[in-house]
Amino acid sequence: MSAVLVRPARREDCGEIQRLIQALATFEKFPHGPKLTIEDLERDGFESSPAKFKCIVAEMPDESKTFCGYAMYFPIYSSWMGKGIRIEDLYVTPEFHGTGLGKRLFSLVAKEAYEGDYCRVEFTALGWNPAAGFYRHLGAENVTDSEERNVWRLYRNGMEKLLLHAK
């Protein structure tokens, strides 16, 4: 597995990153979910200061330079514990499952968090995702039941309605 190059993403990688985002969405049974364009990724990850996200990519060892995995993440803050990192996506293409590549990507994010004195790395996974055992093996805890927390989201249409009625 050492032949796969794992490195920080660059601006010119956004097309491959978008391709992997779509592959992850298809795996998660949301093939029409991703709305981000390559330009959005370029702007938010490489033109904004500070960048809205960081990304680590895994590149095939051949001349194709095709990506076979990525981890996208960003800083968060806990009012109880302080700074943390949220992994938005961790994805490895099926042909690289079981090779240790997912662990390499996850470990690099964890290393950055640990060395930066962050309190935690946080992420979500669908309940049916077979990677739950992988995450447990790496030492992650599923706090869904133990903390009785639910994930809530307010999307743009909800924001519009809220702001319209907040006057």
C-alpha atoms as a PDB file:
ATOM      1  CA  MET A   1       0.000   0.000   0.000  1.00  0.00           C
ATOM      2  CA  SER A   2       2.967   2.340   0.391  1.00  0.00           C
ATOM      3  CA  ALA A   3       2.972   2.880  -3.401  1.00  0.00           C
ATOM      4  CA  VAL A   4      -0.198   4.969  -3.126  1.00  0.00           C
ATOM      5  CA  LEU A   5       0.759   8.619  -2.679  1.00  0.00           C
ATOM      6  CA  VAL A   6      -1.147  10.286   0.159  1.00  0.00           C
ATOM      7  CA  ARG A   7      -0.718  14.057   0.257  1.00  0.00           C
ATOM      8  CA  PRO A   8      -2.486  17.351   0.939  1.00  0.00           C
ATOM      9  CA  ALA A   9      -4.861  18.330  -1.853  1.00  0.00           C
ATOM     10  CA  ARG A  10      -3.976  21.091  -4.290  1.00  0.00           C
ATOM     11  CA  ARG A  11      -6.226  23.402  -6.267  1.00  0.00           C
ATOM     12  CA  GLU A  12      -5.747  21.375  -9.458  1.00  0.00           C
ATOM     13  CA  ASP A  13      -7.091  18.291  -7.658  1.00  0.00           C
ATOM     14  CA  CYS A  14     -10.633  19.650  -7.343  1.00  0.00           C
ATOM     15  CA  GLY A  15     -11.959  17.754 -10.382  1.00  0.00           C
ATOM     16  CA  GLU A  16     -10.826  14.416  -8.928  1.00  0.00           C
ATOM     17  CA  ILE A  17     -12.095  15.404  -5.475  1.00  0.00           C
ATOM     18  CA  GLN A  18     -15.503  16.192  -6.974  1.00  0.00           C
ATOM     19  CA  ARG A  19     -15.489  12.794  -8.704  1.00  0.00           C
ATOM     20  CA  LEU A  20     -14.838  11.050  -5.381  1.00  0.00           C
ATOM     21  CA  ILE A  21     -17.516  13.124  -3.631  1.00  0.00           C
ATOM     22  CA  GLN A  22     -19.971  11.844  -6.231  1.00  0.00           C
ATOM     23  CA  ALA A  23     -18.736   8.254  -5.775  1.00  0.00           C
ATOM     24  CA  LEU A  24     -19.275   8.556  -2.008  1.00  0.00           C
ATOM     25  CA  ALA A  25     -22.763   9.994  -2.527  1.00  0.00           C
ATOM     26  CA  THR A  26     -23.650   7.110  -4.822  1.00  0.00           C
ATOM     27  CA  PHE A  27     -22.355   4.615  -2.236  1.00  0.00           C
ATOM     28  CA  GLU A  28     -24.489   6.361   0.423  1.00  0.00           C
ATOM     29  CA  LYS A  29     -27.536   6.044  -1.869  1.00  0.00           C
ATOM     30  CA  PHE A  30     -27.761   9.812  -2.483  1.00  0.00           C
ATOM     31  CA  PRO A  31     -26.520   9.998  -6.089  1.00  0.00           C
ATOM     32  CA  HIS A  32     -28.237  13.360  -6.681  1.00  0.00           C
ATOM     33  CA  GLY A  33     -27.039  14.856  -3.395  1.00  0.00           C
ATOM     34  CA  PRO A  34     -23.813  16.677  -4.279  1.00  0.00           C
ATOM     35  CA  LYS A  35     -24.379  20.208  -5.523  1.00  0.00           C
ATOM     36  CA  LEU A  36     -20.820  21.536  -5.274  1.00  0.00           C
ATOM     37  CA  THR A  37     -19.009  22.495  -8.445  1.00  0.00           C
ATOM     38  CA  ILE A  38     -15.283  22.316  -9.063  1.00  0.00           C
ATOM     39  CA  GLU A  39     -15.301  26.112  -8.802  1.00  0.00           C
ATOM     40  CA  ASP A  40     -16.944  25.921  -5.342  1.00  0.00           C
ATOM     41  CA  LEU A  41     -14.223  23.547  -4.163  1.00  0.00           C
ATOM     42  CA  GLU A  42     -11.481  25.760  -5.618  1.00  0.00           C
ATOM     43  CA  ARG A  43     -12.922  28.890  -4.013  1.00  0.00           C
ATOM     44  CA  ASP A  44     -13.669  27.402  -0.600  1.00  0.00           C
ATOM     45  CA  GLY A  45     -10.571  25.257  -0.241  1.00  0.00           C
ATOM     46  CA  PHE A  46      -7.884  27.207  -2.040  1.00  0.00           C
ATOM     47  CA  GLU A  47      -8.943  30.832  -2.553  1.00  0.00           C
ATOM     48  CA  SER A  48     -10.599  31.610   0.795  1.00  0.00           C
ATOM     49  CA  SER A  49      -8.534  32.789   3.722  1.00  0.00           C
ATOM     50  CA  PRO A  50      -8.819  30.920   5.914  1.00  0.00           C
ATOM     51  CA  ALA A  51      -9.757  27.920   3.784  1.00  0.00           C
ATOM     52  CA  LYS A  52     -13.213  26.522   4.561  1.00  0.00           C
ATOM     53  CA  PHE A  53     -11.868  22.940   4.473  1.00  0.00           C
ATOM     54  CA  LYS A  54      -8.720  20.873   4.219  1.00  0.00           C
ATOM     55  CA  CYS A  55      -8.392  17.735   2.164  1.00  0.00           C
ATOM     56  CA  ILE A  56      -5.964  14.841   1.958  1.00  0.00           C
ATOM     57  CA  VAL A  57      -5.970  12.790  -1.237  1.00  0.00           C
ATOM     58  CA  ALA A  58      -4.718   9.317  -2.116  1.00  0.00           C
ATOM     59  CA  GLU A  59      -3.358   9.115  -5.641  1.00  0.00           C
ATOM     60  CA  MET A  60      -2.906   5.940  -7.687  1.00  0.00           C
ATOM     61  CA  PRO A  61       0.713   4.883  -8.123  1.00  0.00           C
ATOM     62  CA  ASP A  62       0.452   4.698 -11.935  1.00  0.00           C
ATOM     63  CA  GLU A  63       0.638   7.398 -14.597  1.00  0.00           C
ATOM     64  CA  SER A  64      -3.127   7.970 -14.500  1.00  0.00           C
ATOM     65  CA  LYS A  65      -2.872  10.075 -11.322  1.00  0.00           C
ATOM     66  CA  THR A  66      -6.433   8.953 -10.547  1.00  0.00           C
ATOM     67  CA  PHE A  67      -7.469   9.364  -6.927  1.00  0.00           C
ATOM     68  CA  CYS A  68      -8.475   6.307  -4.909  1.00  0.00           C
ATOM     69  CA  GLY A  69      -9.444   8.051  -1.674  1.00  0.00           C
ATOM     70  CA  TYR A  70      -9.730  11.288   0.237  1.00  0.00           C
ATOM     71  CA  ALA A  71     -10.494  12.827   3.604  1.00  0.00           C
ATOM     72  CA  MET A  72     -12.147  16.257   3.756  1.00  0.00           C
ATOM     73  CA  TYR A  73     -12.238  18.020   7.118  1.00  0.00           C
ATOM     74  CA  PHE A  74     -12.428  21.372   8.881  1.00  0.00           C
ATOM     75  CA  PRO A  75     -12.056  22.901  12.358  1.00  0.00           C
ATOM     76  CA  ILE A  76     -14.951  23.003  14.813  1.00  0.00           C
ATOM     77  CA  TYR A  77     -15.312  24.292  18.350  1.00  0.00           C
ATOM     78  CA  SER A  78     -16.938  22.711  21.377  1.00  0.00           C
ATOM     79  CA  SER A  79     -18.169  24.967  24.169  1.00  0.00           C
ATOM     80  CA  TRP A  80     -17.380  22.104  26.570  1.00  0.00           C
ATOM     81  CA  MET A  81     -13.998  20.914  25.336  1.00  0.00           C
ATOM     82  CA  GLY A  82     -12.495  23.456  22.907  1.00  0.00           C
ATOM     83  CA  LYS A  83     -11.190  23.030  19.405  1.00  0.00           C
ATOM     84  CA  GLY A  84     -11.810  19.934  17.335  1.00  0.00           C
ATOM     85  CA  ILE A  85     -11.784  18.648  13.787  1.00  0.00           C
ATOM     86  CA  ARG A  86     -14.823  17.433  11.889  1.00  0.00           C
ATOM     87  CA  ILE A  87     -14.283  14.926   9.102  1.00  0.00           C
ATOM     88  CA  GLU A  88     -16.941  15.629   6.504  1.00  0.00           C
ATOM     89  CA  ASP A  89     -15.909  12.807   4.172  1.00  0.00           C
ATOM     90  CA  LEU A  90     -13.625   9.811   4.417  1.00  0.00           C
ATOM     91  CA  TYR A  91     -13.806   7.687   1.295  1.00  0.00           C
ATOM     92  CA  VAL A  92     -11.735   4.953  -0.291  1.00  0.00           C
ATOM     93  CA  THR A  93     -12.692   3.440  -3.634  1.00  0.00           C
ATOM     94  CA  PRO A  94     -13.908  -0.179  -3.400  1.00  0.00           C
ATOM     95  CA  GLU A  95     -10.819  -1.697  -5.008  1.00  0.00           C
ATOM     96  CA  PHE A  96      -8.736  -0.280  -2.126  1.00  0.00           C
ATOM     97  CA  HIS A  97     -10.984  -1.485   0.713  1.00  0.00           C
ATOM     98  CA  GLY A  98      -9.039  -3.622   3.176  1.00  0.00           C
ATOM     99  CA  THR A  99      -5.637  -2.307   2.109  1.00  0.00           C
ATOM    100  CA  GLY A 100      -5.060   0.074   5.027  1.00  0.00           C
ATOM    101  CA  LEU A 101      -5.651   3.195   2.947  1.00  0.00           C
ATOM    102  CA  GLY A 102      -8.690   4.297   4.979  1.00  0.00           C
ATOM    103  CA  LYS A 103      -6.660   3.930   8.160  1.00  0.00           C
ATOM    104  CA  ARG A 104      -3.834   6.006   6.640  1.00  0.00           C
ATOM    105  CA  LEU A 105      -6.217   8.828   5.726  1.00  0.00           C
ATOM    106  CA  PHE A 106      -8.024   8.740   9.079  1.00  0.00           C
ATOM    107  CA  SER A 107      -4.723   8.572  10.977  1.00  0.00           C
ATOM    108  CA  LEU A 108      -3.340  11.629   9.187  1.00  0.00           C
ATOM    109  CA  VAL A 109      -6.347  13.690  10.243  1.00  0.00           C
ATOM    110  CA  ALA A 110      -6.067  12.317  13.799  1.00  0.00           C
ATOM    111  CA  LYS A 111      -2.345  13.140  13.827  1.00  0.00           C
ATOM    112  CA  GLU A 112      -3.034  16.729  12.795  1.00  0.00           C
ATOM    113  CA  ALA A 113      -5.650  17.003  15.540  1.00  0.00           C
ATOM    114  CA  TYR A 114      -3.396  15.450  18.174  1.00  0.00           C
ATOM    115  CA  GLU A 115      -0.351  17.526  17.286  1.00  0.00           C
ATOM    116  CA  GLY A 116      -2.502  20.668  17.132  1.00  0.00           C
ATOM    117  CA  ASP A 117      -3.822  19.952  20.647  1.00  0.00           C
ATOM    118  CA  TYR A 118      -7.398  19.479  19.431  1.00  0.00           C
ATOM    119  CA  CYS A 119      -9.812  17.774  21.833  1.00  0.00           C
ATOM    120  CA  ARG A 120     -11.482  15.438  19.353  1.00  0.00           C
ATOM    121  CA  VAL A 121     -12.097  14.305  15.807  1.00  0.00           C
ATOM    122  CA  GLU A 122     -15.799  14.141  15.016  1.00  0.00           C
ATOM    123  CA  PHE A 123     -17.612  12.562  12.073  1.00  0.00           C
ATOM    124  CA  THR A 124     -20.886  10.921  11.160  1.00  0.00           C
ATOM    125  CA  ALA A 125     -21.641   7.703   9.318  1.00  0.00           C
ATOM    126  CA  LEU A 126     -24.903   6.260   8.087  1.00  0.00           C
ATOM    127  CA  GLY A 127     -26.332   3.605  10.403  1.00  0.00           C
ATOM    128  CA  TRP A 128     -26.131   0.869   7.772  1.00  0.00           C
ATOM    129  CA  ASN A 129     -22.547   1.697   6.763  1.00  0.00           C
ATOM    130  CA  PRO A 130     -20.351  -1.386   7.309  1.00  0.00           C
ATOM    131  CA  ALA A 131     -17.453   0.906   8.278  1.00  0.00           C
ATOM    132  CA  ALA A 132     -18.774   1.121  11.870  1.00  0.00           C
ATOM    133  CA  GLY A 133     -16.530  -1.772  12.864  1.00  0.00           C
ATOM    134  CA  PHE A 134     -13.571  -0.052  11.181  1.00  0.00           C
ATOM    135  CA  TYR A 135     -14.186   3.135  13.188  1.00  0.00           C
ATOM    136  CA  ARG A 136     -14.533   1.185  16.459  1.00  0.00           C
ATOM    137  CA  HIS A 137     -11.297  -0.652  15.694  1.00  0.00           C
ATOM    138  CA  LEU A 138      -9.548   2.713  15.315  1.00  0.00           C
ATOM    139  CA  GLY A 139     -10.785   3.764  18.769  1.00  0.00           C
ATOM    140  CA  ALA A 140     -13.726   5.965  17.788  1.00  0.00           C
ATOM    141  CA  GLU A 141     -16.856   5.941  19.948  1.00  0.00           C
ATOM    142  CA  ASN A 142     -20.399   6.116  18.613  1.00  0.00           C
ATOM    143  CA  VAL A 143     -22.033   8.708  20.882  1.00  0.00           C
ATOM    144  CA  THR A 144     -25.463   8.503  19.228  1.00  0.00           C
ATOM    145  CA  ASP A 145     -26.869   6.414  22.062  1.00  0.00           C
ATOM    146  CA  SER A 146     -24.525   7.218  24.947  1.00  0.00           C
ATOM    147  CA  GLU A 147     -25.074  10.990  24.649  1.00  0.00           C
ATOM    148  CA  GLU A 148     -28.576  10.717  23.153  1.00  0.00           C
ATOM    149  CA  ARG A 149     -27.679  13.265  20.493  1.00  0.00           C
ATOM    150  CA  ASN A 150     -29.433  13.729  17.179  1.00  0.00           C
ATOM    151  CA  VAL A 151     -27.986  15.597  14.229  1.00  0.00           C
ATOM    152  CA  TRP A 152     -30.124  18.537  13.120  1.00  0.00           C
ATOM    153  CA  ARG A 153     -29.682  20.721  10.048  1.00  0.00           C
ATOM    154  CA  LEU A 154     -31.215  23.975   8.928  1.00  0.00           C
ATOM    155  CA  TYR A 155     -30.912  24.205   5.134  1.00  0.00           C
ATOM    156  CA  ARG A 156     -31.107  27.425   3.098  1.00  0.00           C
ATOM    157  CA  ASN A 157     -34.864  27.176   2.514  1.00  0.00           C
ATOM    158  CA  GLY A 158     -35.330  26.795   6.273  1.00  0.00           C
ATOM    159  CA  MET A 159     -33.073  29.798   6.882  1.00  0.00           C
ATOM    160  CA  GLU A 160     -35.149  31.863   4.473  1.00  0.00           C
ATOM    161  CA  LYS A 161     -38.373  30.911   6.237  1.00  0.00           C
ATOM    162  CA  LEU A 162     -36.866  31.598   9.652  1.00  0.00           C
ATOM    163  CA  LEU A 163     -35.549  34.990   8.637  1.00  0.00           C
ATOM    164  CA  LEU A 164     -38.800  35.908   6.917  1.00  0.00           C
ATOM    165  CA  HIS A 165     -40.766  35.183  10.090  1.00  0.00           C
ATOM    166  CA  ALA A 166     -38.161  36.555  12.518  1.00  0.00           C
ATOM    167  CA  LYS A 167     -39.020  40.165  11.770  1.00  0.00           C
END
